[in-house]
Protein backbone atom coordinates (compact mmCIF):
# COMPACT_ATOMS: atom_id res chain seq x y z
CA MET A 1 175.05 117.42 148.46
CA ILE A 2 177.86 116.44 150.84
CA SER A 3 178.87 118.55 153.83
CA LEU A 4 182.48 118.99 154.98
CA LEU A 5 183.55 120.03 158.47
CA GLY A 6 187.03 120.53 159.86
CA LEU A 7 187.84 119.44 163.42
CA PRO A 8 191.28 120.89 164.19
CA HIS A 9 191.67 119.22 167.58
CA ASP A 10 194.51 117.01 168.83
CA ASP A 11 194.61 117.78 172.57
CA TYR A 12 194.02 114.11 173.40
CA SER A 13 196.79 112.68 171.23
CA SER A 14 198.99 110.43 173.33
CA HIS A 15 202.32 110.62 171.52
CA LEU A 16 202.73 113.39 169.00
CA LYS A 17 200.51 116.37 168.36
CA GLY A 18 200.09 118.02 164.98
CA SER A 19 196.96 116.47 163.50
CA ALA A 20 194.98 119.62 164.36
CA ALA A 21 196.56 121.14 161.25
CA ALA A 22 195.23 118.38 158.98
CA PRO A 23 191.93 119.90 157.75
CA GLY A 24 193.74 122.70 155.93
CA SER A 25 196.24 120.30 154.38
CA ILE A 26 193.51 118.04 153.07
CA ARG A 27 191.48 120.93 151.67
CA ALA A 28 194.58 122.33 149.91
CA VAL A 29 194.91 119.07 147.96
CA LEU A 30 191.17 118.68 147.42
CA TRP A 31 190.87 122.05 145.70
CA SER A 32 194.25 121.99 143.96
CA ASP A 33 194.32 122.30 140.17
CA ALA A 34 196.73 119.34 140.18
CA TYR A 35 193.93 116.91 140.96
CA GLY A 36 190.49 116.30 139.51
CA LEU A 37 187.20 116.34 141.38
CA VAL A 38 185.54 113.49 139.50
CA THR A 39 185.54 110.29 141.53
CA GLU A 40 186.32 106.83 140.22
CA THR A 41 182.57 106.19 140.18
CA ARG A 42 182.10 109.27 137.93
CA VAL A 43 180.61 111.59 140.51
CA ASP A 44 181.62 115.20 139.75
CA LEU A 45 182.34 116.81 143.10
CA GLY A 46 183.18 120.05 141.32
CA ALA A 47 179.57 120.47 140.20
CA PRO A 48 177.70 123.35 141.86
CA GLY A 49 176.27 122.27 145.19
CA ALA A 50 178.03 118.90 145.33
CA LEU A 51 180.25 119.86 148.28
CA VAL A 52 179.38 122.40 150.96
CA ASP A 53 182.21 123.27 153.33
CA HIS A 54 181.14 124.38 156.81
CA GLY A 55 184.68 125.44 157.69
CA ASP A 56 186.44 124.48 160.90
CA VAL A 57 185.03 124.22 164.39
CA VAL A 58 186.44 127.03 166.51
CA PHE A 59 187.46 125.91 169.97
CA SER A 60 187.50 128.19 173.00
CA ALA A 61 188.44 127.84 176.63
CA ASP A 62 184.88 128.44 177.85
CA VAL A 63 183.21 125.63 175.85
CA ASP A 64 184.02 121.96 176.29
CA PRO A 65 185.53 120.75 172.99
CA TRP A 66 183.23 117.71 172.90
CA THR A 67 180.22 120.01 173.18
CA ALA A 68 181.60 122.25 170.42
CA ILE A 69 182.11 119.28 168.09
CA GLU A 70 178.75 117.67 168.85
CA THR A 71 176.94 120.97 168.28
CA ALA A 72 178.73 121.69 165.00
CA VAL A 73 178.12 118.19 163.66
CA ASP A 74 174.48 118.30 164.71
CA THR A 75 174.04 121.62 162.92
CA ALA A 76 175.70 120.34 159.75
CA LEU A 77 173.53 117.21 159.74
CA ALA A 78 170.31 119.17 160.29
CA ALA A 79 170.03 119.88 156.56
CA GLY A 80 169.77 116.15 155.94
CA HIS A 81 172.98 115.73 153.95
CA PRO A 82 175.81 113.26 154.69
CA LEU A 83 178.82 114.76 156.47
CA ILE A 84 182.54 114.09 156.11
CA SER A 85 184.54 115.37 159.07
CA LEU A 86 188.27 116.06 158.83
CA GLY A 87 190.28 115.53 162.00
CA GLY A 88 192.14 116.02 164.10
CA ASP A 89 193.04 112.93 166.06
CA HIS A 90 190.74 109.94 166.39
CA ALA A 91 189.35 111.14 169.71
CA VAL A 92 186.99 113.43 167.77
CA THR A 93 184.97 110.46 166.51
CA HIS A 94 183.31 110.11 169.91
CA PRO A 95 181.54 113.51 169.94
CA ILE A 96 180.83 113.19 166.20
CA LEU A 97 178.92 109.98 166.87
CA ARG A 98 176.99 111.60 169.71
CA ALA A 99 175.51 113.93 167.11
CA VAL A 100 175.15 111.37 164.31
CA ARG A 101 173.24 108.97 166.55
CA LYS A 102 170.52 111.56 167.13
CA HIS A 103 169.72 111.44 163.42
CA HIS A 104 170.04 107.67 162.91
CA PRO A 105 168.43 105.25 165.38
CA ARG A 106 170.09 102.40 163.47
CA LEU A 107 173.79 102.71 162.75
CA THR A 108 176.74 100.50 161.82
CA ILE A 109 180.30 101.79 162.11
CA VAL A 110 182.91 100.60 159.64
CA HIS A 111 186.25 101.52 161.20
CA ILE A 112 189.57 101.30 159.31
CA ASP A 113 192.60 101.49 161.57
CA ALA A 114 195.81 99.83 162.73
CA HIS A 115 194.52 100.12 166.31
CA SER A 116 191.19 99.17 167.83
CA ASP A 117 191.03 102.39 169.93
CA LEU A 118 189.11 100.45 172.58
CA TYR A 119 191.18 101.22 175.65
CA ASP A 120 189.00 101.86 178.66
CA VAL A 121 191.46 104.56 179.75
CA TYR A 122 194.83 105.42 178.26
CA GLN A 123 197.46 107.46 180.11
CA ASP A 124 194.78 108.34 182.69
CA ASN A 125 192.66 109.95 179.98
CA PRO A 126 189.30 108.39 179.03
CA ARG A 127 189.11 110.84 176.10
CA SER A 128 192.42 109.74 174.61
CA HIS A 129 192.54 109.01 170.90
CA ALA A 130 193.19 105.43 172.02
CA CYS A 131 189.72 105.24 173.63
CA PRO A 132 186.94 106.64 171.38
CA PHE A 133 185.31 103.36 170.42
CA ALA A 134 185.08 102.25 174.04
CA ARG A 135 183.14 105.45 174.78
CA ILE A 136 181.01 105.05 171.64
CA MET A 137 180.00 101.50 172.47
CA GLU A 138 179.44 102.25 176.17
CA GLU A 139 177.02 105.01 175.23
CA GLY A 140 175.18 102.88 172.69
CA LEU A 141 176.02 105.22 169.83
CA ALA A 142 176.15 102.35 167.32
CA ASP A 143 174.46 99.00 166.96
CA ARG A 144 177.40 97.33 165.27
CA LEU A 145 181.14 98.06 165.09
CA ILE A 146 183.24 96.50 162.34
CA GLN A 147 186.99 97.10 162.45
CA ILE A 148 189.26 96.45 159.45
CA GLY A 149 193.05 96.50 159.24
CA ILE A 150 193.73 96.04 162.96
CA ARG A 151 197.24 94.86 163.75
CA CYS A 152 198.03 96.06 167.29
CA VAL A 153 195.90 93.97 169.65
CA ASN A 154 196.77 93.23 173.26
CA PRO A 155 194.86 91.25 175.94
CA HIS A 156 192.99 94.36 177.11
CA HIS A 157 191.78 94.99 173.57
CA ASP A 158 190.72 91.36 173.26
CA ALA A 159 188.64 91.75 176.42
CA GLN A 160 187.06 94.95 175.13
CA ILE A 161 186.35 93.37 171.74
CA ALA A 162 184.51 90.55 173.50
CA ARG A 163 182.73 92.96 175.86
CA PHE A 164 181.30 95.08 173.06
CA GLY A 165 180.84 92.34 170.46
CA VAL A 166 183.15 94.05 167.98
CA GLU A 167 183.66 92.35 164.60
CA VAL A 168 187.38 92.53 163.86
CA PHE A 169 189.11 91.82 160.56
CA GLU A 170 192.80 91.92 161.37
CA ALA A 171 195.12 93.09 158.60
CA ARG A 172 196.78 89.69 158.41
CA ALA A 173 193.42 88.07 157.57
CA TRP A 174 191.78 90.77 155.41
CA ARG A 175 190.92 89.47 151.94
CA GLY A 176 188.06 91.78 151.00
CA GLN A 177 185.41 89.74 152.76
CA PRO A 178 181.76 90.83 152.46
CA LEU A 179 180.59 92.84 155.47
CA ASN A 180 176.88 91.99 155.12
CA LEU A 181 175.81 95.51 156.02
CA GLU A 182 172.25 96.51 156.86
CA GLY A 183 171.02 100.05 157.30
CA PRO A 184 172.93 103.35 157.62
CA VAL A 185 176.72 103.25 157.85
CA TYR A 186 179.22 105.59 159.49
CA LEU A 187 182.75 105.24 158.11
CA SER A 188 185.75 106.16 160.26
CA VAL A 189 189.15 106.14 158.53
CA ASP A 190 192.31 106.46 160.60
CA LEU A 191 195.11 106.98 158.10
CA ASP A 192 197.40 104.70 160.08
CA GLY A 193 195.11 101.89 158.97
CA LEU A 194 197.03 102.14 155.72
CA ASP A 195 200.53 100.76 155.55
CA PRO A 196 203.07 103.58 156.13
CA ALA A 197 204.35 102.94 152.60
CA PHE A 198 201.13 104.66 151.46
CA ALA A 199 200.41 107.05 154.36
CA PRO A 200 203.57 107.72 156.38
CA ALA A 201 202.56 111.04 157.98
CA VAL A 202 200.79 109.69 161.05
CA ALA A 203 201.83 109.70 164.69
CA HIS A 204 201.69 105.92 165.09
CA PRO A 205 202.76 104.27 161.81
CA GLU A 206 202.38 100.51 161.91
CA PRO A 207 203.84 98.36 159.09
CA GLY A 208 201.77 95.58 157.57
CA GLY A 209 198.68 97.63 156.82
CA LEU A 210 196.23 98.12 153.98
CA SER A 211 197.05 99.66 150.64
CA THR A 212 195.31 102.75 149.32
CA ARG A 213 193.60 100.53 146.74
CA GLN A 214 192.31 98.17 149.43
CA VAL A 215 190.79 101.06 151.39
CA ILE A 216 189.15 102.48 148.27
CA ASP A 217 187.77 99.03 147.49
CA ILE A 218 186.27 98.85 151.00
CA ILE A 219 184.63 102.25 150.51
CA GLN A 220 183.23 101.36 147.10
CA ALA A 221 181.93 98.00 148.35
CA ILE A 222 179.70 99.59 151.01
CA ASP A 223 176.22 98.89 149.67
CA GLN A 224 174.21 100.77 152.29
CA PRO A 225 173.80 104.55 152.75
CA ILE A 226 176.92 106.19 154.19
CA VAL A 227 175.45 108.90 156.38
CA GLY A 228 178.68 110.19 157.85
CA ALA A 229 182.42 109.69 157.80
CA ASP A 230 185.65 110.98 159.23
CA ILE A 231 189.27 110.97 158.10
CA VAL A 232 191.67 111.38 161.01
CA GLU A 233 195.26 111.28 162.25
CA LEU A 234 197.04 113.00 159.33
CA ASN A 235 199.99 114.90 160.81
CA PRO A 236 201.14 117.56 158.33
CA SER A 237 204.35 118.18 160.28
CA LEU A 238 205.45 114.70 159.17
CA ASP A 239 204.31 115.24 155.57
CA PRO A 240 206.85 117.60 153.96
CA HIS A 241 206.00 116.50 150.42
CA GLY A 242 202.26 116.24 151.08
CA ALA A 243 202.01 112.60 150.03
CA THR A 244 199.73 111.56 152.90
CA ALA A 245 197.51 114.60 152.39
CA VAL A 246 197.09 113.47 148.77
CA VAL A 247 195.94 110.05 150.00
CA ALA A 248 193.56 111.66 152.50
CA ALA A 249 192.02 113.86 149.80
CA LYS A 250 191.67 110.87 147.48
CA LEU A 251 189.82 108.93 150.18
CA LEU A 252 187.62 111.96 150.89
CA LYS A 253 186.62 112.08 147.22
CA GLU A 254 185.85 108.39 147.02
CA ILE A 255 183.84 108.50 150.26
CA ALA A 256 181.85 111.45 148.89
CA GLY A 257 181.37 109.54 145.64
CA ALA A 258 179.98 106.60 147.59
CA MET A 259 177.58 108.93 149.37
CA ILE A 260 176.16 110.46 146.17
CA PRO A 261 174.44 108.54 143.36
CA PRO A 262 176.48 109.15 140.15
CA THR A 263 173.46 110.57 138.30
CA LEU A 264 172.71 113.23 140.91
CA PHE A 265 175.23 115.79 139.61
């Protein structure tokens, strides 16, 4: 069984809001009759009990959004099933990991992105979607952070990469290298990690990125348990034909397929 949870939150986006609407767009493709629910690895996500959708987190003015996300993720994980969260901007990964870490004392993050998201503070906001992995590493929410597809690195990022011991595979050097993973894995996929030719509907498109096939290959090459994942930064307002939502749903299916042994359903 795989759990799904929507996180319709983009208050900490720095440039263009709209990713809060992404969970609904991804679900619309996921459940559309136009697309199948059998993954490339032959896992049937349409089988009874394969996917359990916990709906969207509801945000209110009287509860801190990070508390709301952490609580909802913790509740979803309590049943012992892997969770795929649908953002939202990339800021949501920080409170997600606060909950995930409670369940996994050993944890490696595999992070696919054009940006390292390691700013100490961005635009006077330590919760910016440009900062989540600085907060995650400061709080010791992962033992290892591997970033793939990065292609927007400045001197501040270089200093943060050295400070936190981040393993970075820049897009220009990515050739499908082995990651030598050990123990549980959390997978965080920012859709701008893909080249905008494949996923244009993001707030910060950066040419020179990964192909959809390369990202699927990364997912399918993970040889340790994937205990949680997120897909973030889809902006439906920039996706009039739904092409990027189709990519997001495809990645969701392949992540779920990597979480479930093919013979289980």
